[in-house]
């Protein structure tokens, strides 16, 4: 570690910084597990599931509350949220602080505290960097694997307080919206309050090598780290899968995804032109739906900010593979 002014953190190398990141991640994860175990010891008292217990045979046989001790398999799932945002932020620090030395660690901290005020040029450079997770980049994929395994290894398979074990869930549904509203600016170029990454998908704009690069990155993080499953969102341009040839291409993509250990592929096949027109003329698209996280939602019911992200993702992927 390098010397720093009182109250400031300093790291001479990216490895130093990464070690500190994992120290904090592990401490927070361990504390979360501890709090969950303590909470679950009192589930029957604070959140009794009386009606549900009547429908769960094992709970009736044991004469206990279903949520508390009544299930045959008493798993406790911890869901990740903002995985790609985290990886891209670490990559941003590595690239711009340690490799290019475009900004010091302390200066970057001050810039983020001010939510990128007067530093839009740097923000755009970090946001548009090609060193992102989700495009098949070996360096990014290796770091992503390190991050997810560093997280899940602290709790997956370890006992909870209900006779079961902890598992990890790669689905946050609306968590990327709600969580993003609480998270400050991040070194991947994201502003305070903006959405963080969704489910196990790359950040918006990161899929610069198309769907094949995106799937390659997903396979690199070892999906088996998610015993409770994970959702991988992809956007595909209609021209990519059009006609008989397109159907064969689509089948190959799906087979490649599952061959790499994939669990659930959440696919949207739509063009940015259609989505933009739907924004301008919603009355013409009352039946247009998009996939969210295992379910569909009407396009016209999605807030404009989320609509813009769908458009940005399909534009980043483009019409190629």
Protein backbone atom coordinates (compact mmCIF):
# COMPACT_ATOMS: atom_id res chain seq x y z
CA UNK A 1 0.00 0.00 0.00
CA UNK A 2 1.17 3.51 -0.79
CA UNK A 3 1.12 6.25 1.80
CA UNK A 4 -1.93 8.50 1.83
CA UNK A 5 -3.15 11.54 3.68
CA UNK A 6 -4.95 10.89 6.95
CA UNK A 7 -8.41 9.47 6.28
CA UNK A 8 -7.64 8.58 2.65
CA UNK A 9 -7.15 5.15 1.14
CA UNK A 10 -4.25 4.53 -1.21
CA UNK A 11 -3.15 1.51 -3.22
CA UNK A 12 0.13 1.46 -5.13
CA UNK A 13 -1.07 -1.18 -7.59
CA UNK A 14 -4.36 -2.48 -8.90
CA UNK A 15 -3.75 -5.74 -7.06
CA UNK A 16 -3.55 -3.73 -3.83
CA UNK A 17 -6.84 -2.05 -4.68
CA UNK A 18 -8.45 -5.35 -5.59
CA UNK A 19 -7.40 -6.92 -2.30
CA UNK A 20 -9.07 -4.09 -0.41
CA UNK A 21 -12.20 -4.49 -2.52
CA UNK A 22 -12.42 -8.19 -1.68
CA UNK A 23 -11.76 -7.50 2.00
CA UNK A 24 -14.78 -5.19 2.12
CA UNK A 25 -16.91 -7.50 -0.05
CA UNK A 26 -16.17 -10.48 2.18
CA UNK A 27 -16.89 -8.52 5.35
CA UNK A 28 -20.24 -7.33 4.00
CA UNK A 29 -21.17 -10.79 2.71
CA UNK A 30 -20.28 -12.45 6.01
CA UNK A 31 -22.33 -9.87 7.90
CA UNK A 32 -25.29 -10.47 5.58
CA UNK A 33 -25.13 -14.21 6.25
CA UNK A 34 -24.93 -13.57 9.99
CA UNK A 35 -27.99 -11.28 9.93
CA UNK A 36 -29.99 -13.71 7.80
CA UNK A 37 -29.26 -16.59 10.12
CA UNK A 38 -30.37 -14.54 13.11
CA UNK A 39 -33.53 -13.36 11.33
CA UNK A 40 -34.50 -16.84 10.22
CA UNK A 41 -34.40 -18.11 13.79
CA UNK A 42 -37.47 -15.95 14.40
CA UNK A 43 -39.34 -16.30 11.09
CA UNK A 44 -42.33 -18.07 12.64
CA UNK A 45 -42.69 -15.19 15.09
CA UNK A 46 -42.19 -12.16 12.84
CA UNK A 47 -43.59 -13.50 9.56
CA UNK A 48 -45.86 -16.51 10.14
CA UNK A 49 -47.16 -18.19 6.99
CA UNK A 50 -50.31 -19.79 8.32
CA UNK A 51 -52.20 -20.32 5.06
CA UNK A 52 -49.09 -21.45 3.20
CA UNK A 53 -48.26 -23.92 5.98
CA UNK A 54 -51.62 -25.62 5.40
CA UNK A 55 -50.59 -26.34 1.80
CA UNK A 56 -47.12 -27.70 2.57
CA UNK A 57 -47.22 -31.37 3.53
CA UNK A 58 -43.87 -31.45 5.31
CA UNK A 59 -44.90 -28.44 7.43
CA UNK A 60 -48.14 -30.19 8.47
CA UNK A 61 -46.27 -33.39 9.31
CA UNK A 62 -43.79 -31.51 11.48
CA UNK A 63 -46.38 -29.15 12.93
CA UNK A 64 -44.22 -26.10 12.18
CA UNK A 65 -44.43 -22.93 10.13
CA UNK A 66 -43.61 -23.50 6.43
CA UNK A 67 -41.15 -20.63 6.09
CA UNK A 68 -39.47 -21.38 9.38
CA UNK A 69 -38.74 -25.11 9.33
CA UNK A 70 -41.52 -26.63 7.30
CA UNK A 71 -39.99 -27.14 3.89
CA UNK A 72 -38.17 -30.30 2.90
CA UNK A 73 -35.39 -28.21 1.35
CA UNK A 74 -34.85 -25.11 3.47
CA UNK A 75 -32.62 -23.09 1.15
CA UNK A 76 -31.80 -19.46 1.75
CA UNK A 77 -31.05 -17.57 -1.46
CA UNK A 78 -28.92 -14.44 -1.64
CA UNK A 79 -29.43 -12.63 -4.94
CA UNK A 80 -26.63 -10.74 -6.63
CA UNK A 81 -27.36 -7.25 -7.91
CA UNK A 82 -25.14 -5.07 -10.06
CA UNK A 83 -22.55 -7.72 -10.90
CA UNK A 84 -21.55 -6.27 -14.30
CA UNK A 85 -21.51 -2.73 -12.87
CA UNK A 86 -19.05 -3.94 -10.24
CA UNK A 87 -16.76 -5.68 -12.72
CA UNK A 88 -16.80 -2.74 -15.15
CA UNK A 89 -16.04 -0.34 -12.30
CA UNK A 90 -13.02 -2.37 -11.24
CA UNK A 91 -11.89 -2.51 -14.87
CA UNK A 92 -12.36 1.26 -15.14
CA UNK A 93 -10.11 1.83 -12.14
CA UNK A 94 -7.49 -0.54 -13.52
CA UNK A 95 -7.48 1.08 -16.96
CA UNK A 96 -7.69 4.78 -16.10
CA UNK A 97 -5.98 4.94 -12.70
CA UNK A 98 -3.27 2.29 -12.95
CA UNK A 99 -2.67 1.57 -16.65
CA UNK A 100 -3.24 4.92 -18.39
CA UNK A 101 -2.73 7.05 -15.26
CA UNK A 102 -5.37 9.45 -16.55
CA UNK A 103 -6.49 10.23 -13.00
CA UNK A 104 -5.26 9.39 -9.51
CA UNK A 105 -7.25 7.18 -7.17
CA UNK A 106 -7.81 10.07 -4.77
CA UNK A 107 -8.87 12.41 -7.57
CA UNK A 108 -11.30 9.82 -8.93
CA UNK A 109 -12.81 9.50 -5.48
CA UNK A 110 -13.38 13.25 -5.38
CA UNK A 111 -14.88 13.22 -8.88
CA UNK A 112 -17.32 10.47 -7.93
CA UNK A 113 -18.24 12.27 -4.70
CA UNK A 114 -19.24 15.22 -6.90
CA UNK A 115 -21.18 12.95 -9.29
CA UNK A 116 -18.84 13.69 -12.23
CA UNK A 117 -19.46 17.44 -12.02
CA UNK A 118 -17.30 19.29 -14.59
CA UNK A 119 -15.66 16.00 -15.62
CA UNK A 120 -17.98 14.86 -18.39
CA UNK A 121 -15.12 14.15 -20.79
CA UNK A 122 -13.55 11.68 -18.35
CA UNK A 123 -16.94 10.15 -17.55
CA UNK A 124 -17.62 9.46 -21.23
CA UNK A 125 -14.15 7.99 -21.72
CA UNK A 126 -14.70 5.59 -18.84
CA UNK A 127 -18.28 4.82 -19.89
CA UNK A 128 -17.33 4.10 -23.51
CA UNK A 129 -14.18 2.12 -22.79
CA UNK A 130 -13.96 -1.17 -24.67
CA UNK A 131 -12.62 -2.89 -21.55
CA UNK A 132 -16.00 -4.12 -20.30
CA UNK A 133 -17.44 -7.44 -19.29
CA UNK A 134 -19.80 -8.95 -21.86
CA UNK A 135 -17.79 -8.80 -25.09
CA UNK A 136 -15.61 -11.89 -24.70
CA UNK A 137 -12.55 -9.96 -23.52
CA UNK A 138 -10.29 -12.47 -21.69
CA UNK A 139 -9.06 -9.91 -19.14
CA UNK A 140 -12.58 -8.77 -18.29
CA UNK A 141 -13.88 -12.34 -18.17
CA UNK A 142 -11.09 -13.44 -15.81
CA UNK A 143 -11.84 -10.59 -13.41
CA UNK A 144 -15.57 -11.31 -13.60
CA UNK A 145 -14.96 -14.93 -12.64
CA UNK A 146 -12.78 -13.82 -9.75
CA UNK A 147 -15.44 -11.42 -8.51
CA UNK A 148 -18.35 -13.87 -8.68
CA UNK A 149 -16.38 -16.68 -7.05
CA UNK A 150 -15.08 -14.33 -4.40
CA UNK A 151 -18.68 -13.47 -3.60
CA UNK A 152 -20.37 -16.88 -3.75
CA UNK A 153 -17.57 -18.75 -1.98
CA UNK A 154 -18.44 -16.94 1.25
CA UNK A 155 -21.87 -18.52 1.59
CA UNK A 156 -22.95 -21.02 -1.10
CA UNK A 157 -23.39 -24.44 0.49
CA UNK A 158 -22.90 -23.17 4.04
CA UNK A 159 -25.59 -23.97 6.64
CA UNK A 160 -28.38 -21.54 7.40
CA UNK A 161 -30.37 -21.58 10.65
CA UNK A 162 -33.29 -23.63 9.27
CA UNK A 163 -31.52 -26.91 8.61
CA UNK A 164 -30.70 -26.00 5.02
CA UNK A 165 -27.93 -24.21 3.15
CA UNK A 166 -27.30 -20.90 1.45
CA UNK A 167 -27.45 -20.61 -2.35
CA UNK A 168 -26.93 -17.76 -4.80
CA UNK A 169 -29.58 -16.44 -7.20
CA UNK A 170 -28.58 -14.56 -10.35
CA UNK A 171 -31.86 -12.69 -10.66
CA UNK A 172 -32.72 -9.31 -9.22
CA UNK A 173 -35.92 -8.55 -11.18
CA UNK A 174 -36.50 -4.85 -10.39
CA UNK A 175 -33.50 -4.67 -8.09
CA UNK A 176 -31.34 -3.07 -10.76
CA UNK A 177 -33.77 -0.12 -10.80
CA UNK A 178 -34.41 0.19 -7.07
CA UNK A 179 -30.80 -0.57 -6.17
CA UNK A 180 -29.52 1.89 -8.74
CA UNK A 181 -31.56 4.68 -7.18
CA UNK A 182 -29.60 4.17 -3.94
CA UNK A 183 -26.11 3.67 -5.37
CA UNK A 184 -23.78 6.59 -5.92
CA UNK A 185 -21.79 7.16 -9.14
CA UNK A 186 -19.47 4.35 -10.17
CA UNK A 187 -16.12 4.24 -12.03
CA UNK A 188 -17.70 2.65 -15.12
CA UNK A 189 -19.10 6.07 -16.04
CA UNK A 190 -22.48 5.60 -14.38
CA UNK A 191 -24.08 8.62 -12.68
CA UNK A 192 -25.67 8.63 -9.24
CA UNK A 193 -29.15 7.11 -9.32
CA UNK A 194 -28.80 5.50 -12.76
CA UNK A 195 -29.74 1.85 -13.08
CA UNK A 196 -27.09 -0.71 -12.24
CA UNK A 197 -26.65 -3.85 -14.35
CA UNK A 198 -29.62 -6.20 -14.70
CA UNK A 199 -29.69 -9.85 -13.60
CA UNK A 200 -26.52 -11.49 -14.98
CA UNK A 201 -26.48 -9.38 -18.15
CA UNK A 202 -23.62 -7.06 -19.17
CA UNK A 203 -23.98 -3.34 -18.60
CA UNK A 204 -25.87 -1.38 -21.23
CA UNK A 205 -23.54 -0.69 -24.17
CA UNK A 206 -20.93 -3.28 -23.21
CA UNK A 207 -21.88 -5.97 -25.75
CA UNK A 208 -19.76 -4.56 -28.55
CA UNK A 209 -18.84 -8.00 -29.90
CA UNK A 210 -22.42 -9.11 -30.45
CA UNK A 211 -24.34 -11.98 -28.96
CA UNK A 212 -21.52 -14.51 -29.37
CA UNK A 213 -19.10 -12.38 -27.37
CA UNK A 214 -21.77 -11.83 -24.75
CA UNK A 215 -22.48 -15.56 -24.33
CA UNK A 216 -18.75 -16.29 -24.18
CA UNK A 217 -18.40 -13.91 -21.24
CA UNK A 218 -21.34 -15.50 -19.44
CA UNK A 219 -19.86 -18.98 -19.79
CA UNK A 220 -16.56 -17.75 -18.37
CA UNK A 221 -18.04 -16.91 -14.97
CA UNK A 222 -19.04 -20.54 -14.30
CA UNK A 223 -22.86 -20.46 -14.00
CA UNK A 224 -22.66 -23.35 -11.53
CA UNK A 225 -21.83 -20.70 -8.94
CA UNK A 226 -25.59 -20.02 -8.93
CA UNK A 227 -27.25 -23.15 -7.49
CA UNK A 228 -30.57 -21.28 -7.41
CA UNK A 229 -30.26 -20.35 -11.10
CA UNK A 230 -29.47 -17.19 -13.02
CA UNK A 231 -31.09 -15.13 -15.76
CA UNK A 232 -29.04 -13.97 -18.73
CA UNK A 233 -30.69 -11.23 -20.77
CA UNK A 234 -29.79 -10.85 -24.44
CA UNK A 235 -30.97 -8.58 -27.24
CA UNK A 236 -31.00 -9.88 -30.82
CA UNK A 237 -31.66 -7.83 -33.93
CA UNK A 238 -34.48 -9.38 -36.04
CA UNK A 239 -32.28 -9.47 -39.14
CA UNK A 240 -29.89 -11.82 -37.34
CA UNK A 241 -32.47 -14.58 -36.95
CA UNK A 242 -34.69 -13.95 -39.97
CA UNK A 243 -35.67 -16.78 -42.34
CA UNK A 244 -34.53 -20.40 -42.35
CA UNK A 245 -30.87 -19.45 -42.03
CA UNK A 246 -31.72 -17.20 -39.11
CA UNK A 247 -33.54 -20.01 -37.32
CA UNK A 248 -30.44 -22.19 -37.63
CA UNK A 249 -28.34 -19.35 -36.27
CA UNK A 250 -30.71 -18.89 -33.36
CA UNK A 251 -30.64 -22.59 -32.55
CA UNK A 252 -26.84 -22.57 -32.60
CA UNK A 253 -26.77 -19.61 -30.19
CA UNK A 254 -29.13 -21.31 -27.77
CA UNK A 255 -27.21 -24.59 -27.92
CA UNK A 256 -23.94 -22.75 -27.36
CA UNK A 257 -25.41 -20.97 -24.34
CA UNK A 258 -26.54 -24.16 -22.63
CA UNK A 259 -23.41 -26.08 -23.61
CA UNK A 260 -21.47 -23.46 -21.65
CA UNK A 261 -23.50 -24.15 -18.51
CA UNK A 262 -26.26 -21.61 -19.09
CA UNK A 263 -29.42 -21.84 -17.01
CA UNK A 264 -32.03 -19.40 -18.33
CA UNK A 265 -31.76 -17.32 -21.50
CA UNK A 266 -34.02 -14.28 -21.58
CA UNK A 267 -34.27 -13.20 -25.25
CA UNK A 268 -35.65 -10.06 -26.89
CA UNK A 269 -35.75 -10.08 -30.69
CA UNK A 270 -36.56 -6.52 -31.72
CA UNK A 271 -35.06 -3.67 -33.73
CA UNK A 272 -34.15 -0.26 -32.31
CA UNK A 273 -36.18 1.32 -35.12
CA UNK A 274 -39.33 -0.44 -33.91
CA UNK A 275 -38.74 0.58 -30.31
CA UNK A 276 -38.08 4.20 -31.20
CA UNK A 277 -41.23 4.32 -33.29
CA UNK A 278 -43.14 2.79 -30.39
CA UNK A 279 -41.91 5.62 -28.19
CA UNK A 280 -43.19 8.20 -30.66
CA UNK A 281 -46.46 6.43 -31.48
CA UNK A 282 -47.45 4.28 -28.49
CA UNK A 283 -51.02 3.97 -29.78
CA UNK A 284 -49.72 1.84 -32.68
CA UNK A 285 -47.97 -0.63 -30.36
CA UNK A 286 -50.52 -1.54 -27.71
CA UNK A 287 -49.59 -5.23 -28.03
CA UNK A 288 -45.81 -4.85 -28.18
CA UNK A 289 -44.14 -6.73 -25.33
CA UNK A 290 -40.56 -7.24 -24.17
CA UNK A 291 -38.98 -9.74 -21.83
CA UNK A 292 -37.96 -8.47 -18.41
CA UNK A 293 -36.72 -11.23 -16.12
CA UNK A 294 -38.59 -14.38 -16.99
CA UNK A 295 -41.84 -12.63 -17.84
CA UNK A 296 -43.23 -10.21 -20.43
CA UNK A 297 -44.35 -6.62 -19.98
CA UNK A 298 -46.11 -4.24 -22.34
CA UNK A 299 -43.69 -1.77 -23.89
CA UNK A 300 -46.06 1.10 -23.21
CA UNK A 301 -46.04 0.31 -19.49
CA UNK A 302 -42.26 0.67 -19.13
CA UNK A 303 -40.84 4.02 -17.90
CA UNK A 304 -39.03 5.99 -20.60
CA UNK A 305 -35.65 5.55 -18.89
CA UNK A 306 -35.95 1.77 -19.09
CA UNK A 307 -37.15 1.96 -22.69
CA UNK A 308 -34.02 3.93 -23.58
CA UNK A 309 -31.86 1.20 -22.05
CA UNK A 310 -33.50 -1.50 -24.16
CA UNK A 311 -32.78 0.61 -27.25
CA UNK A 312 -29.19 1.27 -26.20
CA UNK A 313 -28.54 -2.44 -25.66
CA UNK A 314 -29.82 -3.53 -29.06
CA UNK A 315 -27.86 -0.71 -30.71
CA UNK A 316 -24.68 -1.87 -28.95
CA UNK A 317 -25.21 -5.48 -30.04
CA UNK A 318 -26.05 -4.45 -33.61
CA UNK A 319 -27.20 -6.79 -36.35
CA UNK A 320 -24.09 -8.99 -36.31
CA UNK A 321 -23.16 -12.03 -34.25
